[in-house]
Amino acid sequence: MRRSLGVVAAAIALFTGLPVVAPALAEPQAAEPGPPAPARHGAVVQDLESPAGTAYWTRRRMRAALPLDLDPSGAVITSSADAAAPAQPAVTPPGLRSTGKLFFRDPRTSQGYVCSASSVNTPERNLVVTAGHCVYSTRDGCVLLCTARHYFSDFVFVPSYDHGTAPYGQWTGVRAITQQAWIADEDDGHDQAFLAVAPVGGVNLVDVVGGNGLAWNYPAREDGVRVVGWPAQAPYDGQSRQECSGATTVSQVTDPTDAQISCPLTGGASGGPWFLRMASADTGFVFAVTSRRPADGTPLLFAMPFDSSIETLLAAARSAAVPVSARVPARPGARPRLRLVASAASVGFGESYQLVAETRRVRRIVLQVRTVPGAPWRRVARARVHQGVTVFDQALPPGTRWYRVRERGTRR
């Protein structure tokens, strides 16, 4: 007779392949170590105003929102509502649901704007990355009274926005995490920011669309880069995702540490991700976001590849510690029979990791996994325990995974 003793182990959240950080991608051999970041390269966290939430963004206001783009000098490129091409009936190809259109409003003028953005896989599962100038305004012509710079408001991220539809919902921005260098000096090299978005119906953004990994300290020259955005000026209409791909090179127009790519995307593409490589149809590793473009229509985009300061920004965005391990609830005074520990809270693309099960008076265990909270557990391994310790080697596809061990006994 076989008897199941039930689940008596803990679950852990292990971030594999597309985690908050991507160690395997963070220090490539081609990258030269740069000088330490100045102290001013910290992070500024600011709660955002969204008095109306998603209700503010009617279809009419979304269509009337203007692109907010910068030229190579960092000046705002003037745009108008009639700069977009007539709406086209084309349907966006499937995939890349982790990318989307970002709507926001200038609280001082009530003008609506658009940029592009993409989700980031953190333990909180509620973060998007975009350009700093899409979160905090530029001086733009200010000479003496330069205290007028400010945060935008009423942020809404719409993954896979397509001709007025929001197939994966609308996500309200509640907190901005911006580079100190952008806030203080409008430093184009740190034109990056995160937005934390509120859950929808108790569900987090990454659980719906997936989350991208970040890669930093990569050189400007890369092959096979994929750039995504929602351009809203002719010949585009801002109603669907557009993209281009190719090799990036060292910028010949902006700062020599910038990357540039031949790409015709127009206003509205700012903040869109530059994928170093893809991990699935929907997610990949982002190493930069669109920052600037020529105002004369030359088909080029510019971005500063993420440096180590993105780690500081990421740390500031974290609202809770990663649950690397946990113990099973046990009766008062009793020692738990099982404990599951991961060799690392996060691992990079292609890296393997180990799960160590420590047991007491247990002979047979089953390792189970799930990728979505509340989903059914799936068995990935069985083992016979020797001397109280069992090691499981894992190298699974990208994404977030929760593991647990289940004790089983057999009587014949």
Protein backbone atom coordinates (compact mmCIF):
# COMPACT_ATOMS: atom_id res chain seq x y z
CA MET A 1 0.00 0.00 0.00
CA ARG A 2 1.35 3.43 -0.90
CA ARG A 3 0.81 6.25 1.52
CA SER A 4 1.37 9.93 0.80
CA LEU A 5 2.61 11.92 3.78
CA GLY A 6 1.63 15.25 2.21
CA VAL A 7 3.52 18.47 1.63
CA VAL A 8 5.80 19.35 4.50
CA ALA A 9 8.36 21.54 2.76
CA ALA A 10 8.85 25.17 1.96
CA ALA A 11 8.55 26.97 -1.32
CA ILE A 12 11.22 29.31 -2.61
CA ALA A 13 11.19 31.92 -5.34
CA LEU A 14 14.22 31.52 -7.57
CA PHE A 15 14.80 33.93 -10.42
CA THR A 16 16.41 32.17 -13.32
CA GLY A 17 17.47 33.54 -16.67
CA LEU A 18 15.41 36.73 -16.60
CA PRO A 19 15.93 38.01 -13.08
CA VAL A 20 16.33 41.42 -11.57
CA VAL A 21 19.97 41.17 -12.56
CA ALA A 22 21.66 39.05 -15.18
CA PRO A 23 25.10 38.17 -13.78
CA ALA A 24 26.14 36.22 -16.83
CA LEU A 25 25.44 39.28 -18.97
CA ALA A 26 26.65 41.91 -16.56
CA GLU A 27 30.37 41.51 -17.17
CA PRO A 28 31.10 40.39 -20.74
CA GLN A 29 34.72 39.96 -21.78
CA ALA A 30 34.35 42.68 -24.40
CA ALA A 31 33.50 45.30 -21.81
CA GLU A 32 36.28 47.42 -20.37
CA PRO A 33 35.81 48.21 -16.66
CA GLY A 34 35.00 51.90 -16.35
CA PRO A 35 35.75 54.38 -13.59
CA PRO A 36 33.65 54.25 -10.42
CA ALA A 37 30.36 56.10 -10.73
CA PRO A 38 30.36 59.50 -8.95
CA ALA A 39 28.41 59.72 -5.73
CA ARG A 40 25.72 61.78 -7.43
CA HIS A 41 24.81 58.70 -9.48
CA GLY A 42 22.27 57.58 -6.95
CA ALA A 43 18.53 57.11 -7.21
CA VAL A 44 15.62 59.41 -6.42
CA VAL A 45 12.34 57.77 -5.42
CA GLN A 46 9.12 59.75 -5.76
CA ASP A 47 5.48 58.80 -5.24
CA LEU A 48 3.42 59.86 -8.24
CA GLU A 49 0.12 61.65 -8.57
CA SER A 50 -2.59 59.73 -10.39
CA PRO A 51 -5.82 61.25 -9.07
CA ALA A 52 -7.98 59.79 -11.82
CA GLY A 53 -5.99 56.63 -12.45
CA THR A 54 -6.78 54.87 -15.71
CA ALA A 55 -10.13 56.71 -15.92
CA TYR A 56 -8.29 59.82 -17.12
CA TRP A 57 -7.01 58.11 -20.25
CA THR A 58 -9.98 57.94 -22.55
CA ARG A 59 -9.45 56.88 -26.15
CA ARG A 60 -9.69 60.50 -27.23
CA ARG A 61 -6.97 61.61 -24.81
CA MET A 62 -4.76 58.72 -25.80
CA ARG A 63 -4.97 59.67 -29.45
CA ALA A 64 -4.32 63.34 -28.65
CA ALA A 65 -1.21 62.64 -26.55
CA LEU A 66 2.02 63.93 -28.08
CA PRO A 67 5.39 62.18 -28.37
CA LEU A 68 8.06 63.44 -25.95
CA ASP A 69 11.42 63.02 -27.65
CA LEU A 70 14.85 64.65 -27.33
CA ASP A 71 17.31 65.63 -30.05
CA PRO A 72 21.05 64.84 -29.76
CA SER A 73 21.64 68.01 -27.71
CA GLY A 74 18.97 67.00 -25.20
CA ALA A 75 16.41 69.59 -26.35
CA VAL A 76 12.76 68.58 -26.69
CA ILE A 77 11.69 67.94 -30.29
CA THR A 78 8.55 69.94 -30.99
CA SER A 79 5.61 67.83 -32.10
CA SER A 80 1.96 68.42 -32.81
CA ALA A 81 -1.20 66.38 -32.86
CA ASP A 82 -1.30 66.42 -36.67
CA ALA A 83 2.24 65.03 -37.01
CA ALA A 84 1.02 61.44 -36.91
CA ALA A 85 0.14 59.57 -40.06
CA PRO A 86 -3.51 58.58 -40.60
CA ALA A 87 -4.47 55.54 -38.55
CA GLN A 88 -3.77 52.28 -40.32
CA PRO A 89 -5.87 49.09 -39.93
CA ALA A 90 -2.80 46.83 -39.70
CA VAL A 91 -2.73 44.30 -36.86
CA THR A 92 0.39 44.09 -34.71
CA PRO A 93 2.18 40.73 -34.93
CA PRO A 94 1.94 38.60 -31.78
CA GLY A 95 4.70 38.47 -29.18
CA LEU A 96 6.64 41.01 -27.12
CA ARG A 97 3.75 41.54 -24.73
CA SER A 98 6.27 42.75 -22.12
CA THR A 99 6.60 45.97 -24.14
CA GLY A 100 4.02 48.72 -24.35
CA LYS A 101 3.00 52.32 -24.72
CA LEU A 102 3.39 54.71 -21.79
CA PHE A 103 0.90 57.55 -21.34
CA PHE A 104 1.43 60.45 -18.92
CA ARG A 105 0.45 64.07 -18.36
CA ASP A 106 2.25 67.31 -17.55
CA PRO A 107 0.42 68.54 -14.42
CA ARG A 108 1.38 72.17 -15.16
CA THR A 109 -0.04 72.32 -18.68
CA SER A 110 -2.40 69.28 -18.69
CA GLN A 111 -0.83 68.22 -21.99
CA GLY A 112 -0.77 64.45 -22.49
CA TYR A 113 2.35 62.70 -23.75
CA VAL A 114 3.46 59.26 -24.91
CA CYS A 115 6.66 57.26 -24.68
CA SER A 116 7.46 53.55 -24.79
CA ALA A 117 8.43 51.19 -21.97
CA SER A 118 8.90 47.53 -21.01
CA SER A 119 8.41 45.38 -17.92
CA VAL A 120 11.29 44.25 -15.69
CA ASN A 121 11.40 40.99 -13.77
CA THR A 122 11.86 41.83 -10.09
CA PRO A 123 10.60 39.93 -7.05
CA GLU A 124 7.84 42.52 -6.71
CA ARG A 125 6.86 41.91 -10.37
CA ASN A 126 5.55 45.44 -10.80
CA LEU A 127 8.31 47.45 -12.53
CA VAL A 128 8.73 49.00 -15.99
CA VAL A 129 11.79 50.71 -17.43
CA THR A 130 11.67 53.78 -19.67
CA ALA A 131 13.62 56.97 -20.38
CA GLY A 132 14.25 59.45 -17.58
CA HIS A 133 12.89 62.33 -19.67
CA CYS A 134 9.57 60.44 -19.89
CA VAL A 135 9.29 60.66 -16.10
CA TYR A 136 10.99 63.93 -15.08
CA SER A 137 10.95 67.00 -17.32
CA THR A 138 13.89 68.73 -19.00
CA ARG A 139 14.87 72.40 -18.71
CA ASP A 140 14.07 72.88 -22.41
CA GLY A 141 14.99 76.52 -22.94
CA CYS A 142 15.19 77.46 -19.27
CA VAL A 143 18.06 79.91 -18.74
CA LEU A 144 17.65 81.55 -15.34
CA LEU A 145 14.61 80.12 -13.57
CA CYS A 146 15.49 76.47 -13.87
CA THR A 147 13.53 75.28 -10.87
CA ALA A 148 10.54 74.53 -13.06
CA ARG A 149 11.59 70.95 -13.79
CA HIS A 150 9.11 68.50 -12.34
CA TYR A 151 7.65 65.01 -12.39
CA PHE A 152 4.92 64.13 -14.82
CA SER A 153 1.71 62.57 -13.51
CA ASP A 154 -1.14 60.18 -14.39
CA PHE A 155 1.14 57.44 -15.76
CA VAL A 156 -0.52 54.48 -17.41
CA PHE A 157 1.41 51.63 -19.02
CA VAL A 158 -0.48 49.69 -21.71
CA PRO A 159 1.32 46.49 -22.75
CA SER A 160 0.85 45.58 -26.41
CA TYR A 161 -1.27 48.68 -27.02
CA ASP A 162 -2.90 48.23 -30.42
CA HIS A 163 -5.27 50.65 -32.12
CA GLY A 164 -6.91 51.79 -28.91
CA THR A 165 -7.12 48.35 -27.33
CA ALA A 166 -5.37 47.18 -24.16
CA PRO A 167 -5.21 43.37 -24.47
CA TYR A 168 -3.28 42.99 -21.19
CA GLY A 169 -4.86 45.79 -19.22
CA GLN A 170 -3.85 49.28 -18.16
CA TRP A 171 -1.38 49.65 -15.29
CA THR A 172 -1.24 52.84 -13.22
CA GLY A 173 2.19 54.21 -12.29
CA VAL A 174 2.45 54.88 -8.56
CA ARG A 175 6.15 55.50 -7.98
CA ALA A 176 9.11 56.78 -10.02
CA ILE A 177 12.70 55.73 -9.47
CA THR A 178 14.97 58.07 -11.42
CA GLN A 179 18.72 58.51 -11.85
CA GLN A 180 20.05 61.27 -9.58
CA ALA A 181 22.29 62.40 -12.44
CA TRP A 182 19.20 63.04 -14.58
CA ILE A 183 17.37 64.90 -11.81
CA ALA A 184 20.34 67.06 -10.84
CA ASP A 185 22.16 67.64 -14.12
CA GLU A 186 19.92 66.38 -16.90
CA ASP A 187 22.75 64.00 -17.72
CA ASP A 188 21.90 62.32 -21.03
CA GLY A 189 24.09 59.38 -20.05
CA HIS A 190 21.62 58.52 -17.29
CA ASP A 191 18.36 59.16 -19.10
CA GLN A 192 16.73 56.10 -17.53
CA ALA A 193 14.00 55.54 -14.96
CA PHE A 194 11.79 52.87 -13.47
CA LEU A 195 8.09 53.12 -12.75
CA ALA A 196 6.38 50.92 -10.19
CA VAL A 197 2.82 50.11 -11.24
CA ALA A 198 -0.12 49.09 -9.07
CA PRO A 199 -1.57 45.58 -9.32
CA VAL A 200 -4.76 45.12 -11.28
CA GLY A 201 -7.34 42.93 -9.58
CA GLY A 202 -4.68 41.70 -7.18
CA VAL A 203 -2.45 40.49 -10.01
CA ASN A 204 1.00 41.93 -10.73
CA LEU A 205 2.16 43.11 -14.14
CA VAL A 206 4.90 40.50 -14.69
CA ASP A 207 2.48 37.68 -13.90
CA VAL A 208 0.45 38.83 -16.90
CA VAL A 209 3.01 39.89 -19.53
CA GLY A 210 6.30 38.44 -18.34
CA GLY A 211 9.36 40.36 -17.25
CA ASN A 212 12.61 41.27 -18.98
CA GLY A 213 16.10 40.94 -17.57
CA LEU A 214 18.60 43.80 -17.56
CA ALA A 215 22.20 43.69 -18.81
CA TRP A 216 24.77 46.36 -18.05
CA ASN A 217 28.40 47.33 -18.71
CA TYR A 218 28.11 46.24 -22.31
CA PRO A 219 29.97 48.16 -25.03
CA ALA A 220 28.21 50.36 -27.57
CA ARG A 221 29.07 47.94 -30.39
CA GLU A 222 26.70 44.97 -30.39
CA ASP A 223 25.21 42.75 -33.09
CA GLY A 224 21.63 41.60 -33.40
CA VAL A 225 20.09 44.32 -31.23
CA ARG A 226 16.29 44.59 -31.38
CA VAL A 227 14.70 48.00 -30.70
CA VAL A 228 10.97 48.28 -29.93
CA GLY A 229 8.72 51.31 -29.64
CA TRP A 230 5.41 53.00 -30.41
CA PRO A 231 6.37 55.81 -32.83
CA ALA A 232 3.57 58.34 -33.24
CA GLN A 233 4.84 60.63 -36.00
CA ALA A 234 4.64 60.06 -39.75
CA PRO A 235 5.00 57.63 -41.35
CA TYR A 236 3.73 55.96 -38.16
CA ASP A 237 0.47 56.59 -36.34
CA GLY A 238 1.34 55.50 -32.78
CA GLN A 239 -1.32 52.81 -32.80
CA SER A 240 0.85 49.73 -32.99
CA ARG A 241 4.21 48.34 -31.99
CA GLN A 242 7.07 48.91 -34.39
CA GLU A 243 10.62 47.65 -34.28
CA CYS A 244 13.93 47.48 -36.04
CA SER A 245 17.03 45.38 -35.57
CA GLY A 246 20.68 45.40 -36.49
CA ALA A 247 24.12 46.24 -35.19
CA THR A 248 24.76 49.13 -32.84
CA THR A 249 27.88 51.27 -33.17
CA VAL A 250 29.60 54.02 -31.24
CA SER A 251 27.70 57.27 -31.75
CA GLN A 252 29.17 59.71 -34.25
CA VAL A 253 26.77 62.46 -33.23
CA THR A 254 26.30 62.39 -29.46
CA ASP A 255 28.62 61.37 -26.61
CA PRO A 256 31.21 58.79 -27.77
CA THR A 257 30.06 56.42 -25.04
CA ASP A 258 26.57 56.38 -26.55
CA ALA A 259 25.34 53.65 -28.86
CA GLN A 260 23.52 54.41 -32.08
CA ILE A 261 21.47 52.21 -34.39
CA SER A 262 20.11 52.81 -37.85
CA CYS A 263 16.38 52.87 -37.22
CA PRO A 264 13.53 55.00 -38.64
CA LEU A 265 11.30 55.01 -35.54
CA THR A 266 9.96 58.50 -34.88
CA GLY A 267 8.55 60.43 -31.92
CA GLY A 268 7.00 58.21 -29.26
CA ALA A 269 9.76 55.59 -29.39
CA SER A 270 11.61 57.19 -26.46
CA GLY A 271 12.02 54.80 -23.54
CA GLY A 272 11.56 51.72 -25.71
CA PRO A 273 13.82 48.75 -24.93
CA TRP A 274 16.98 47.78 -26.78
CA PHE A 275 17.13 44.00 -26.53
CA LEU A 276 20.60 42.51 -26.45
CA ARG A 277 19.13 39.06 -26.98
CA MET A 278 15.74 37.41 -26.68
CA ALA A 279 14.84 34.69 -24.22
CA SER A 280 11.32 34.01 -25.48
CA ALA A 281 8.72 35.46 -27.82
CA ASP A 282 7.75 37.98 -25.13
CA THR A 283 10.89 38.72 -23.11
CA GLY A 284 14.61 39.26 -23.42
CA PHE A 285 17.58 41.11 -21.95
CA VAL A 286 17.41 44.92 -22.16
CA PHE A 287 20.73 46.78 -22.18
CA ALA A 288 19.53 50.30 -23.07
CA VAL A 289 16.41 52.39 -23.73
CA THR A 290 15.87 54.89 -26.53
CA SER A 291 17.00 58.33 -25.36
CA ARG A 292 17.41 60.68 -28.35
CA ARG A 293 17.03 60.95 -32.11
CA PRO A 294 17.89 63.54 -34.80
CA ALA A 295 15.27 66.23 -35.26
CA ASP A 296 15.83 66.34 -39.02
CA GLY A 297 14.42 62.88 -39.64
CA THR A 298 17.73 61.05 -40.09
CA PRO A 299 16.90 57.40 -39.28
CA LEU A 300 19.08 57.04 -36.17
CA LEU A 301 18.35 56.38 -32.52
CA PHE A 302 20.74 57.00 -29.62
CA ALA A 303 21.01 55.44 -26.18
CA MET A 304 23.55 55.08 -23.41
CA PRO A 305 24.01 51.38 -22.58
CA PHE A 306 23.22 50.72 -18.91
CA ASP A 307 26.24 51.06 -16.64
CA SER A 308 26.64 49.95 -13.03
CA SER A 309 24.42 52.80 -11.82
CA ILE A 310 21.41 50.78 -13.00
CA GLU A 311 22.13 48.47 -10.04
CA THR A 312 21.62 51.40 -7.67
CA LEU A 313 18.40 52.29 -9.43
CA LEU A 314 17.25 48.70 -9.24
CA ALA A 315 18.08 48.40 -5.55
CA ALA A 316 16.05 51.52 -4.81
CA ALA A 317 13.12 50.03 -6.69
CA ARG A 318 13.09 46.90 -4.59
CA SER A 319 10.40 46.99 -1.95
CA ALA A 320 11.13 43.66 -0.31
CA ALA A 321 13.91 41.11 0.02
CA VAL A 322 14.03 38.06 -2.23
CA PRO A 323 12.75 35.02 -0.36
CA VAL A 324 15.76 32.78 -0.94
CA SER A 325 14.64 30.11 1.49
CA ALA A 326 11.97 29.42 4.04
CA ARG A 327 11.23 26.83 6.65
CA VAL A 328 8.16 24.69 6.91
CA PRO A 329 5.77 25.66 9.69
CA ALA A 330 6.15 23.09 12.42
CA ARG A 331 4.56 22.26 15.71
CA PRO A 332 5.90 24.40 18.59
CA GLY A 333 9.12 22.89 19.87
CA ALA A 334 9.48 20.53 16.93
CA ARG A 335 12.29 20.63 14.39
CA PRO A 336 11.12 20.92 10.77
CA ARG A 337 11.67 17.75 8.76
CA LEU A 338 12.48 19.50 5.51
CA ARG A 339 14.26 22.69 4.47
CA LEU A 340 14.88 23.87 0.91
CA VAL A 341 17.67 26.33 0.07
CA ALA A 342 18.76 27.79 -3.28
CA SER A 343 22.40 28.35 -4.17
CA ALA A 344 21.48 31.83 -5.41
CA ALA A 345 18.46 34.11 -5.43
CA SER A 346 19.05 34.98 -9.08
CA VAL A 347 21.15 33.56 -11.87
CA GLY A 348 21.97 34.75 -15.35
CA PHE A 349 21.05 33.57 -18.79
CA GLY A 350 22.20 29.97 -19.27
CA GLU A 351 23.60 29.55 -15.76
CA SER A 352 22.83 26.49 -13.68
CA TYR A 353 22.03 26.49 -9.98
CA GLN A 354 21.47 24.07 -7.14
CA LEU A 355 18.63 23.41 -4.76
CA VAL A 356 19.67 21.77 -1.50
CA ALA A 357 17.06 19.81 0.46
CA GLU A 358 17.97 19.22 4.10
CA THR A 359 15.89 16.47 5.69
CA ARG A 360 15.37 14.75 9.02
CA ARG A 361 13.98 11.21 9.15
CA VAL A 362 12.83 11.43 5.53
CA ARG A 363 13.89 8.86 2.93
CA ARG A 364 12.15 9.87 -0.29
CA ILE A 365 11.37 13.35 -1.60
CA VAL A 366 9.88 14.91 -4.72
CA LEU A 367 10.93 18.31 -6.10
CA GLN A 368 8.06 20.33 -7.59
CA VAL A 369 7.92 23.66 -9.43
CA ARG A 370 5.41 26.22 -10.63
CA THR A 371 5.84 29.43 -12.61
CA VAL A 372 2.70 31.31 -11.58
CA PRO A 373 1.42 31.76 -8.01
CA GLY A 374 -1.60 29.52 -7.48
CA ALA A 375 -0.87 27.34 -10.51
CA PRO A 376 -0.65 23.54 -10.12
CA TRP A 377 2.67 22.16 -8.92
CA ARG A 378 4.62 20.09 -11.47
CA ARG A 379 7.09 17.38 -10.53
CA VAL A 380 10.61 17.90 -11.88
CA ALA A 381 12.65 15.33 -9.90
CA ARG A 382 12.48 12.51 -7.36
CA ALA A 383 15.29 11.46 -5.06
CA ARG A 384 16.25 9.07 -2.29
CA VAL A 385 17.81 10.92 0.64
CA HIS A 386 21.30 10.01 1.81
CA GLN A 387 22.65 11.33 5.11
CA GLY A 388 20.00 14.01 5.35
CA VAL A 389 21.03 16.09 2.31
CA THR A 390 19.93 15.95 -1.34
CA VAL A 391 21.20 18.28 -4.08
CA PHE A 392 19.16 19.03 -7.22
CA ASP A 393 20.97 20.59 -10.20
CA GLN A 394 18.70 22.84 -12.27
CA ALA A 395 19.06 24.85 -15.50
CA LEU A 396 15.55 25.82 -16.51
CA PRO A 397 14.25 28.30 -19.10
CA PRO A 398 14.03 32.02 -18.18
CA GLY A 399 11.40 33.26 -15.78
CA THR A 400 10.49 33.19 -12.11
CA ARG A 401 10.05 29.81 -10.46
CA TRP A 402 8.78 28.65 -7.11
CA TYR A 403 10.07 25.33 -5.79
CA ARG A 404 9.03 23.05 -2.98
CA VAL A 405 9.91 19.53 -1.86
CA ARG A 406 7.27 17.00 -0.97
CA GLU A 407 7.87 14.12 1.40
CA ARG A 408 6.65 10.73 0.28
CA GLY A 409 6.69 7.35 2.03
CA THR A 410 6.14 3.88 0.62
CA ARG A 411 4.86 0.75 2.33
CA ARG A 412 4.37 -2.50 0.46
